[in-house]
Protein backbone atom coordinates (compact mmCIF):
# COMPACT_ATOMS: atom_id res chain seq x y z
CA MET A 1 28.68 -67.89 51.48
CA GLY A 2 26.93 -65.33 49.32
CA VAL A 3 25.00 -66.96 46.49
CA PRO A 4 23.44 -64.70 43.81
CA VAL A 5 19.76 -65.41 43.28
CA ASP A 6 18.00 -63.87 40.31
CA GLY A 7 14.44 -62.98 41.28
CA GLU A 8 11.87 -63.84 38.65
CA GLU A 9 9.45 -61.23 39.93
CA HIS A 10 10.88 -57.87 38.94
CA PRO A 11 8.99 -54.86 40.30
CA LEU A 12 6.81 -52.69 38.13
CA ARG A 13 6.81 -48.91 38.09
CA LEU A 14 3.21 -47.80 38.31
CA LEU A 15 1.94 -44.31 39.10
CA TRP A 16 5.56 -43.26 39.84
CA ARG A 17 6.03 -45.98 42.50
CA PHE A 18 7.71 -49.38 42.46
CA GLU A 19 5.19 -52.14 43.14
CA HIS A 20 5.73 -55.86 43.65
CA PRO A 21 3.80 -58.00 41.12
CA ARG A 22 2.00 -59.84 43.94
CA THR A 23 0.72 -56.53 45.31
CA LEU A 24 -0.63 -55.59 41.88
CA TYR A 25 -2.35 -58.98 41.57
CA TYR A 26 -4.17 -58.44 44.86
CA ARG A 27 -5.06 -54.86 43.95
CA TYR A 28 -6.19 -55.31 40.32
CA GLY A 29 -6.84 -59.05 39.90
CA ARG A 30 -5.54 -61.31 37.15
CA GLY A 31 -4.51 -58.49 34.81
CA GLY A 32 -2.56 -56.72 37.53
CA GLN A 33 0.77 -58.33 36.57
CA SER A 34 0.43 -57.73 32.83
CA VAL A 35 2.17 -54.57 31.62
CA PRO A 36 -0.15 -54.13 28.58
CA TRP A 37 -3.24 -54.46 30.82
CA LEU A 38 -1.82 -51.99 33.35
CA ARG A 39 -1.02 -49.51 30.57
CA GLU A 40 -4.55 -49.74 29.21
CA HIS A 41 -6.48 -49.62 32.49
CA VAL A 42 -4.31 -47.96 35.16
CA ASP A 43 -1.23 -46.03 34.01
CA PRO A 44 -0.09 -45.53 30.40
CA ARG A 45 3.54 -45.20 31.63
CA ALA A 46 3.60 -48.56 33.49
CA GLU A 47 6.79 -50.54 32.94
CA ARG A 48 8.68 -53.53 34.33
CA VAL A 49 11.96 -52.58 36.02
CA GLU A 50 14.90 -54.97 35.78
CA MET A 51 16.85 -55.10 39.03
CA ALA A 52 20.17 -56.69 39.92
CA ALA A 53 20.20 -60.12 41.48
CA LYS A 54 20.10 -60.23 45.27
CA LEU A 55 22.61 -62.11 47.42
CA LYS A 56 21.30 -64.84 49.67
CA TYR A 57 23.56 -66.10 52.43
CA VAL A 58 23.64 -69.83 53.09
CA TRP A 59 25.42 -71.95 55.63
CA PRO A 60 26.00 -75.48 54.31
CA LEU A 61 25.20 -77.83 57.18
CA ASP A 62 25.98 -80.90 55.11
CA ARG A 63 29.55 -81.45 53.82
CA ARG A 64 28.18 -82.78 50.53
CA LEU A 65 26.52 -79.42 49.77
CA ARG A 66 29.64 -77.31 50.27
CA PRO A 67 31.41 -78.03 46.90
CA GLY A 68 28.27 -77.19 44.93
CA LEU A 69 27.77 -73.93 46.80
CA GLN A 70 31.41 -72.89 46.49
CA THR A 71 31.20 -72.91 42.70
CA VAL A 72 28.57 -70.12 42.73
CA SER A 73 29.55 -68.30 45.94
CA LEU A 74 30.83 -64.73 46.06
CA PRO A 75 32.98 -63.11 48.77
CA TYR A 76 31.14 -61.35 51.57
CA PRO A 77 31.01 -57.61 50.71
CA ARG A 78 33.09 -55.38 52.98
CA THR A 79 31.60 -52.16 54.31
CA GLU A 80 34.12 -50.00 52.45
CA ASP A 81 33.09 -51.65 49.15
CA LEU A 82 29.41 -50.71 49.56
CA PRO A 83 27.95 -47.45 48.19
CA GLU A 84 27.39 -44.72 50.78
CA ALA A 85 23.58 -45.02 50.56
CA ALA A 86 23.73 -48.67 51.66
CA GLN A 87 25.87 -48.08 54.76
């Protein structure tokens, strides 16, 4: 079953690259995840990029979990439904 999971950590565009917030924390310290701090100290064009939710695939091993997962599950995407870049 495909279950959509919305990631809370959206990447940031910094110096024309997408960076994960955890990477920026390790690189710049506590201010590394703050867009205003990054704009002031690193790149004035820094911005947070909203991305679509990812699909996580789960296999319910317990019969009691199956009804709860079926309410939020999506059909498995077929290859012909995917964009050409993803194939």
